[in-house]
C-alpha cells in the first residue's frame, strides 16, 4: 500500500508540475503582461489559471469518452 501511495503521489506531483510549466510557457508565448483583461491586445494576452484548468478537464473528458465505452 505504501508503494502504491508513493507512485500515486509522484505521478500526481509530476502532472501538476508539468501543467503549471505548460501554463507558464503558454502565457510567456502570449506575451502575458497583465491579468487585467481590458488591457489585453492582439499581441499581449493571457490564459488565466481557471481557463487553463477548464481546458485540461475538457480535454481529459473528451479523451475518456473516446477511450471508455
Protein backbone atom coordinates (compact mmCIF):
# COMPACT_ATOMS: atom_id res chain seq x y z
CA UNK A 1 0.00 0.00 0.00
CA UNK A 2 2.83 2.38 0.83
CA UNK A 3 4.40 1.84 -2.60
CA UNK A 4 1.11 2.46 -4.38
CA UNK A 5 0.63 5.69 -2.44
CA UNK A 6 4.14 6.84 -3.32
CA UNK A 7 3.57 6.10 -7.01
CA UNK A 8 0.24 7.95 -6.96
CA UNK A 9 1.77 10.95 -5.17
CA UNK A 10 4.73 11.04 -7.55
CA UNK A 11 2.54 10.81 -10.62
CA UNK A 12 0.18 13.49 -9.32
CA UNK A 13 3.06 15.79 -8.43
CA UNK A 14 4.69 15.30 -11.82
CA UNK A 15 1.41 16.01 -13.61
CA UNK A 16 0.81 19.17 -11.55
CA UNK A 17 4.36 20.42 -12.18
CA UNK A 18 4.05 19.80 -15.93
CA UNK A 19 0.64 21.52 -16.05
CA UNK A 20 2.00 24.63 -14.30
CA UNK A 21 5.04 24.66 -16.58
CA UNK A 22 2.89 24.39 -19.73
CA UNK A 23 0.59 27.15 -18.44
CA UNK A 24 3.56 29.43 -17.76
CA UNK A 25 5.07 28.74 -21.19
CA UNK A 26 1.74 29.42 -22.91
CA UNK A 27 1.41 32.75 -21.13
CA UNK A 28 5.01 33.60 -21.95
CA UNK A 29 4.30 32.80 -25.60
CA UNK A 30 1.20 35.03 -25.49
CA UNK A 31 3.34 37.84 -24.05
CA UNK A 32 1.20 37.98 -20.91
CA UNK A 33 1.94 41.22 -19.08
CA UNK A 34 -1.19 41.84 -17.02
CA UNK A 35 -4.21 39.91 -15.75
CA UNK A 36 -6.47 42.90 -16.47
CA UNK A 37 -8.43 41.66 -19.47
CA UNK A 38 -9.37 45.19 -20.54
CA UNK A 39 -5.67 45.87 -21.26
CA UNK A 40 -5.14 42.81 -23.45
CA UNK A 41 -4.31 43.34 -27.12
CA UNK A 42 -3.77 41.06 -30.12
CA UNK A 43 -0.07 40.89 -29.27
CA UNK A 44 -0.43 40.64 -25.48
CA UNK A 45 -2.98 38.43 -23.74
CA UNK A 46 -3.13 35.73 -21.06
CA UNK A 47 -4.73 32.41 -20.21
CA UNK A 48 -6.00 32.64 -16.62
CA UNK A 49 -5.41 29.57 -14.44
CA UNK A 50 -9.14 28.81 -14.28
CA UNK A 51 -9.44 28.74 -18.09
CA UNK A 52 -6.35 26.56 -18.40
CA UNK A 53 -7.73 24.11 -15.81
CA UNK A 54 -11.05 24.03 -17.66
CA UNK A 55 -9.21 23.27 -20.93
CA UNK A 56 -7.36 20.40 -19.25
CA UNK A 57 -10.56 18.97 -17.79
CA UNK A 58 -12.43 19.27 -21.10
CA UNK A 59 -9.58 17.52 -22.92
CA UNK A 60 -9.46 14.73 -20.33
CA UNK A 61 -13.24 14.31 -20.54
CA UNK A 62 -13.11 14.14 -24.34
CA UNK A 63 -10.33 11.54 -24.30
CA UNK A 64 -12.13 9.47 -21.67
CA UNK A 65 -15.33 9.47 -23.75
CA UNK A 66 -13.42 8.19 -26.79
CA UNK A 67 -11.48 5.54 -24.86
CA UNK A 68 -14.14 4.30 -22.48
CA UNK A 69 -17.43 2.88 -23.77
